[in-house]
Amino acid sequence: MAGSERGGRSRSPLFRGRAFSLAELLAVLAICLVLGGGMSLAVVSSFAGPASDTTAVREGKYAAQWLQRIFHKALLSGRSFVFRLSTSVPQNRLKIQWADGREETYDGKGRVWFTNHSGVPAFCAYSPKWNTISPAFTIEAGSSPDRRRPLKYIVVTPFCRVSYRDDPPRD
């Protein structure tokens, strides 16, 4: 009752004499806005549907560069690997399996879909002794697993040269 006799309000002991400065409030608000904006972008991009053709072309180029780095790594380390890709089911990952059992994967994250261009399933083996892959292969890069029209082609020659083309190689 001492507080009410002096004309003041009684405060909870938790908040007695403490307040937030304007700078602290603005900092918390800025952090909340940044986190909220990031979450909203993630939600919108996940519900936006299939990737645009431009995004798929860019991701396909990154996949071709990844394959070239794999060949370079295999040559420098002297390790062999196996590469497999389905002819019938589009996949959003490219996967190689090293001779020691470890795997490396390029994940297109739904932005690009890969299909084997040839009619036979690809089971390609890399030989570090000769720096060759057998058989050579071509990968179709598309923007959707449903739409089977390839946008670009990743062409790998028997001598491990990777190119990214508009047209498939002539047989």
C-alpha atoms as a PDB file:
ATOM      1  CA  MET A   1       0.000   0.000   0.000  1.00  0.00           C
ATOM      2  CA  ALA A   2       2.995   2.255   0.247  1.00  0.00           C
ATOM      3  CA  GLY A   3       2.993   2.829  -3.505  1.00  0.00           C
ATOM      4  CA  SER A   4      -0.635   3.897  -3.618  1.00  0.00           C
ATOM      5  CA  GLU A   5      -0.159   6.334  -0.734  1.00  0.00           C
ATOM      6  CA  ARG A   6       2.482   8.237  -2.708  1.00  0.00           C
ATOM      7  CA  GLY A   7       0.218   8.394  -5.783  1.00  0.00           C
ATOM      8  CA  GLY A   8       2.299   6.002  -7.946  1.00  0.00           C
ATOM      9  CA  ARG A   9       1.294   2.740  -9.550  1.00  0.00           C
ATOM     10  CA  SER A  10       2.629  -0.468  -8.155  1.00  0.00           C
ATOM     11  CA  ARG A  11       4.816  -2.382 -10.631  1.00  0.00           C
ATOM     12  CA  SER A  12       5.691  -5.981 -10.876  1.00  0.00           C
ATOM     13  CA  PRO A  13       9.181  -6.701  -9.502  1.00  0.00           C
ATOM     14  CA  LEU A  14      10.139  -8.114 -12.906  1.00  0.00           C
ATOM     15  CA  PHE A  15       9.695  -4.797 -14.738  1.00  0.00           C
ATOM     16  CA  ARG A  16      10.697  -2.393 -11.971  1.00  0.00           C
ATOM     17  CA  GLY A  17      13.139   0.188 -13.330  1.00  0.00           C
ATOM     18  CA  ARG A  18      13.793  -1.624 -16.639  1.00  0.00           C
ATOM     19  CA  ALA A  19      12.933  -0.520 -20.168  1.00  0.00           C
ATOM     20  CA  PHE A  20      14.045  -1.219 -23.716  1.00  0.00           C
ATOM     21  CA  SER A  21      15.866   1.425 -25.663  1.00  0.00           C
ATOM     22  CA  LEU A  22      14.752   2.433 -29.127  1.00  0.00           C
ATOM     23  CA  ALA A  23      17.897   0.892 -30.637  1.00  0.00           C
ATOM     24  CA  GLU A  24      17.147  -2.481 -29.036  1.00  0.00           C
ATOM     25  CA  LEU A  25      13.577  -2.433 -30.330  1.00  0.00           C
ATOM     26  CA  LEU A  26      14.727  -1.524 -33.848  1.00  0.00           C
ATOM     27  CA  ALA A  27      17.357  -4.290 -33.837  1.00  0.00           C
ATOM     28  CA  VAL A  28      14.787  -6.916 -32.822  1.00  0.00           C
ATOM     29  CA  LEU A  29      12.363  -5.634 -35.454  1.00  0.00           C
ATOM     30  CA  ALA A  30      15.046  -5.783 -38.177  1.00  0.00           C
ATOM     31  CA  ILE A  31      15.966  -9.367 -37.230  1.00  0.00           C
ATOM     32  CA  CYS A  32      12.305 -10.416 -37.331  1.00  0.00           C
ATOM     33  CA  LEU A  33      11.817  -8.784 -40.737  1.00  0.00           C
ATOM     34  CA  VAL A  34      14.879 -10.508 -42.227  1.00  0.00           C
ATOM     35  CA  LEU A  35      13.841 -13.913 -40.891  1.00  0.00           C
ATOM     36  CA  GLY A  36      10.245 -13.440 -42.027  1.00  0.00           C
ATOM     37  CA  GLY A  37      11.341 -12.351 -45.495  1.00  0.00           C
ATOM     38  CA  GLY A  38      13.614 -15.375 -45.870  1.00  0.00           C
ATOM     39  CA  MET A  39      10.877 -17.740 -44.773  1.00  0.00           C
ATOM     40  CA  SER A  40       8.340 -16.179 -47.126  1.00  0.00           C
ATOM     41  CA  LEU A  41      10.755 -16.494 -50.072  1.00  0.00           C
ATOM     42  CA  ALA A  42      11.331 -20.158 -49.251  1.00  0.00           C
ATOM     43  CA  VAL A  43       7.598 -20.842 -49.041  1.00  0.00           C
ATOM     44  CA  VAL A  44       6.794 -18.973 -52.264  1.00  0.00           C
ATOM     45  CA  SER A  45       9.573 -20.673 -54.232  1.00  0.00           C
ATOM     46  CA  SER A  46       8.505 -24.123 -53.063  1.00  0.00           C
ATOM     47  CA  PHE A  47       4.911 -23.557 -54.209  1.00  0.00           C
ATOM     48  CA  ALA A  48       5.758 -21.680 -57.394  1.00  0.00           C
ATOM     49  CA  GLY A  49       5.684 -24.826 -59.512  1.00  0.00           C
ATOM     50  CA  PRO A  50       8.301 -26.125 -61.919  1.00  0.00           C
ATOM     51  CA  ALA A  51      11.407 -24.115 -62.567  1.00  0.00           C
ATOM     52  CA  SER A  52      11.552 -21.724 -65.460  1.00  0.00           C
ATOM     53  CA  ASP A  53      13.460 -22.694 -68.581  1.00  0.00           C
ATOM     54  CA  THR A  54      16.163 -20.147 -67.783  1.00  0.00           C
ATOM     55  CA  THR A  55      16.707 -21.633 -64.329  1.00  0.00           C
ATOM     56  CA  ALA A  56      16.853 -25.152 -65.762  1.00  0.00           C
ATOM     57  CA  VAL A  57      19.408 -24.092 -68.385  1.00  0.00           C
ATOM     58  CA  ARG A  58      21.586 -22.474 -65.705  1.00  0.00           C
ATOM     59  CA  GLU A  59      21.357 -25.529 -63.406  1.00  0.00           C
ATOM     60  CA  GLY A  60      22.165 -27.818 -66.347  1.00  0.00           C
ATOM     61  CA  LYS A  61      25.315 -25.808 -66.973  1.00  0.00           C
ATOM     62  CA  TYR A  62      26.291 -26.218 -63.311  1.00  0.00           C
ATOM     63  CA  ALA A  63      25.737 -29.981 -63.654  1.00  0.00           C
ATOM     64  CA  ALA A  64      28.007 -30.097 -66.714  1.00  0.00           C
ATOM     65  CA  GLN A  65      30.695 -28.221 -64.782  1.00  0.00           C
ATOM     66  CA  TRP A  66      30.266 -30.657 -61.874  1.00  0.00           C
ATOM     67  CA  LEU A  67      30.810 -33.599 -64.230  1.00  0.00           C
ATOM     68  CA  GLN A  68      33.961 -31.993 -65.641  1.00  0.00           C
ATOM     69  CA  ARG A  69      35.293 -31.509 -62.083  1.00  0.00           C
ATOM     70  CA  ILE A  70      34.555 -35.170 -61.305  1.00  0.00           C
ATOM     71  CA  PHE A  71      36.637 -36.252 -64.310  1.00  0.00           C
ATOM     72  CA  HIS A  72      39.447 -33.955 -63.253  1.00  0.00           C
ATOM     73  CA  LYS A  73      39.348 -35.229 -59.662  1.00  0.00           C
ATOM     74  CA  ALA A  74      39.353 -38.847 -60.861  1.00  0.00           C
ATOM     75  CA  LEU A  75      42.326 -38.210 -63.147  1.00  0.00           C
ATOM     76  CA  LEU A  76      44.359 -36.506 -60.410  1.00  0.00           C
ATOM     77  CA  SER A  77      43.555 -39.117 -57.760  1.00  0.00           C
ATOM     78  CA  GLY A  78      43.835 -42.118 -60.106  1.00  0.00           C
ATOM     79  CA  ARG A  79      40.473 -43.492 -58.970  1.00  0.00           C
ATOM     80  CA  SER A  80      37.811 -45.073 -61.151  1.00  0.00           C
ATOM     81  CA  PHE A  81      34.059 -44.593 -60.821  1.00  0.00           C
ATOM     82  CA  VAL A  82      30.756 -45.713 -62.302  1.00  0.00           C
ATOM     83  CA  PHE A  83      28.009 -43.418 -63.568  1.00  0.00           C
ATOM     84  CA  ARG A  84      24.399 -44.553 -64.037  1.00  0.00           C
ATOM     85  CA  LEU A  85      21.399 -42.713 -65.450  1.00  0.00           C
ATOM     86  CA  SER A  86      17.946 -44.009 -66.307  1.00  0.00           C
ATOM     87  CA  THR A  87      16.589 -43.711 -69.842  1.00  0.00           C
ATOM     88  CA  SER A  88      12.939 -43.716 -68.896  1.00  0.00           C
ATOM     89  CA  VAL A  89      12.578 -41.866 -65.588  1.00  0.00           C
ATOM     90  CA  PRO A  90      13.739 -38.233 -65.329  1.00  0.00           C
ATOM     91  CA  GLN A  91      15.870 -37.666 -62.250  1.00  0.00           C
ATOM     92  CA  ASN A  92      16.882 -34.458 -60.523  1.00  0.00           C
ATOM     93  CA  ARG A  93      20.211 -35.901 -59.329  1.00  0.00           C
ATOM     94  CA  LEU A  94      23.360 -37.086 -61.055  1.00  0.00           C
ATOM     95  CA  LYS A  95      25.247 -39.650 -59.014  1.00  0.00           C
ATOM     96  CA  ILE A  96      28.636 -41.287 -59.389  1.00  0.00           C
ATOM     97  CA  GLN A  97      29.981 -44.141 -57.313  1.00  0.00           C
ATOM     98  CA  TRP A  98      33.727 -44.295 -56.709  1.00  0.00           C
ATOM     99  CA  ALA A  99      35.523 -47.642 -56.746  1.00  0.00           C
ATOM    100  CA  ASP A 100      35.867 -47.523 -52.945  1.00  0.00           C
ATOM    101  CA  GLY A 101      32.060 -47.361 -52.560  1.00  0.00           C
ATOM    102  CA  ARG A 102      31.685 -43.661 -51.766  1.00  0.00           C
ATOM    103  CA  GLU A 103      29.215 -41.617 -53.777  1.00  0.00           C
ATOM    104  CA  GLU A 104      29.083 -38.042 -54.992  1.00  0.00           C
ATOM    105  CA  THR A 105      25.858 -36.422 -56.094  1.00  0.00           C
ATOM    106  CA  TYR A 106      24.859 -33.327 -57.991  1.00  0.00           C
ATOM    107  CA  ASP A 107      21.416 -32.297 -56.772  1.00  0.00           C
ATOM    108  CA  GLY A 108      19.312 -30.233 -59.182  1.00  0.00           C
ATOM    109  CA  LYS A 109      16.848 -29.507 -56.330  1.00  0.00           C
ATOM    110  CA  GLY A 110      13.891 -29.760 -58.687  1.00  0.00           C
ATOM    111  CA  ARG A 111      15.204 -26.932 -60.876  1.00  0.00           C
ATOM    112  CA  VAL A 112      16.518 -29.270 -63.584  1.00  0.00           C
ATOM    113  CA  TRP A 113      15.684 -32.855 -64.562  1.00  0.00           C
ATOM    114  CA  PHE A 114      18.080 -35.251 -66.251  1.00  0.00           C
ATOM    115  CA  THR A 115      17.339 -38.126 -68.625  1.00  0.00           C
ATOM    116  CA  ASN A 116      19.688 -40.399 -70.542  1.00  0.00           C
ATOM    117  CA  HIS A 117      19.469 -39.480 -74.230  1.00  0.00           C
ATOM    118  CA  SER A 118      20.427 -42.932 -75.559  1.00  0.00           C
ATOM    119  CA  GLY A 119      18.017 -45.837 -75.765  1.00  0.00           C
ATOM    120  CA  VAL A 120      20.018 -48.114 -73.468  1.00  0.00           C
ATOM    121  CA  PRO A 121      20.555 -47.653 -69.743  1.00  0.00           C
ATOM    122  CA  ALA A 122      23.833 -45.907 -69.038  1.00  0.00           C
ATOM    123  CA  PHE A 123      26.308 -47.850 -66.948  1.00  0.00           C
ATOM    124  CA  CYS A 124      29.456 -45.900 -67.717  1.00  0.00           C
ATOM    125  CA  ALA A 125      32.846 -46.790 -66.245  1.00  0.00           C
ATOM    126  CA  TYR A 126      35.748 -44.363 -65.970  1.00  0.00           C
ATOM    127  CA  SER A 127      39.313 -45.663 -66.425  1.00  0.00           C
ATOM    128  CA  PRO A 128      41.955 -43.476 -64.768  1.00  0.00           C
ATOM    129  CA  LYS A 129      44.754 -45.296 -66.570  1.00  0.00           C
ATOM    130  CA  TRP A 130      43.558 -44.104 -69.983  1.00  0.00           C
ATOM    131  CA  ASN A 131      41.425 -41.128 -68.842  1.00  0.00           C
ATOM    132  CA  THR A 132      38.435 -42.486 -70.743  1.00  0.00           C
ATOM    133  CA  ILE A 133      34.819 -43.246 -70.012  1.00  0.00           C
ATOM    134  CA  SER A 134      33.031 -46.082 -71.719  1.00  0.00           C
ATOM    135  CA  PRO A 135      30.524 -45.754 -73.234  1.00  0.00           C
ATOM    136  CA  ALA A 136      30.269 -42.031 -73.976  1.00  0.00           C
ATOM    137  CA  PHE A 137      26.876 -40.585 -73.107  1.00  0.00           C
ATOM    138  CA  THR A 138      24.524 -37.654 -73.567  1.00  0.00           C
ATOM    139  CA  ILE A 139      22.217 -36.308 -70.861  1.00  0.00           C
ATOM    140  CA  GLU A 140      19.059 -34.355 -71.618  1.00  0.00           C
ATOM    141  CA  ALA A 141      18.457 -31.412 -69.270  1.00  0.00           C
ATOM    142  CA  GLY A 142      14.853 -30.278 -68.924  1.00  0.00           C
ATOM    143  CA  SER A 143      12.773 -28.068 -66.653  1.00  0.00           C
ATOM    144  CA  SER A 144      10.141 -30.613 -65.612  1.00  0.00           C
ATOM    145  CA  PRO A 145       9.858 -34.384 -65.187  1.00  0.00           C
ATOM    146  CA  ASP A 146       6.513 -34.294 -66.980  1.00  0.00           C
ATOM    147  CA  ARG A 147       7.574 -32.304 -70.017  1.00  0.00           C
ATOM    148  CA  ARG A 148      10.005 -34.472 -71.976  1.00  0.00           C
ATOM    149  CA  ARG A 149      11.294 -31.698 -74.231  1.00  0.00           C
ATOM    150  CA  PRO A 150      14.979 -31.220 -73.419  1.00  0.00           C
ATOM    151  CA  LEU A 151      16.270 -27.663 -73.219  1.00  0.00           C
ATOM    152  CA  LYS A 152      19.965 -28.514 -73.450  1.00  0.00           C
ATOM    153  CA  TYR A 153      22.244 -31.525 -73.738  1.00  0.00           C
ATOM    154  CA  ILE A 154      25.267 -32.462 -71.636  1.00  0.00           C
ATOM    155  CA  VAL A 155      27.536 -34.406 -73.986  1.00  0.00           C
ATOM    156  CA  VAL A 156      30.411 -36.484 -72.597  1.00  0.00           C
ATOM    157  CA  THR A 157      32.915 -37.861 -75.113  1.00  0.00           C
ATOM    158  CA  PRO A 158      34.928 -41.078 -74.592  1.00  0.00           C
ATOM    159  CA  PHE A 159      37.927 -38.883 -73.703  1.00  0.00           C
ATOM    160  CA  CYS A 160      36.015 -37.176 -70.849  1.00  0.00           C
ATOM    161  CA  ARG A 161      35.334 -33.871 -72.568  1.00  0.00           C
ATOM    162  CA  VAL A 162      32.101 -32.358 -71.299  1.00  0.00           C
ATOM    163  CA  SER A 163      30.164 -29.890 -73.444  1.00  0.00           C
ATOM    164  CA  TYR A 164      26.840 -28.178 -72.915  1.00  0.00           C
ATOM    165  CA  ARG A 165      24.909 -27.900 -76.189  1.00  0.00           C
ATOM    166  CA  ASP A 166      21.627 -26.880 -77.727  1.00  0.00           C
ATOM    167  CA  ASP A 167      21.531 -29.991 -79.966  1.00  0.00           C
ATOM    168  CA  PRO A 168      22.411 -33.637 -79.338  1.00  0.00           C
ATOM    169  CA  PRO A 169      25.389 -35.124 -81.162  1.00  0.00           C
ATOM    170  CA  ARG A 170      24.755 -36.842 -84.471  1.00  0.00           C
ATOM    171  CA  ASP A 171      25.143 -40.597 -84.358  1.00  0.00           C
END
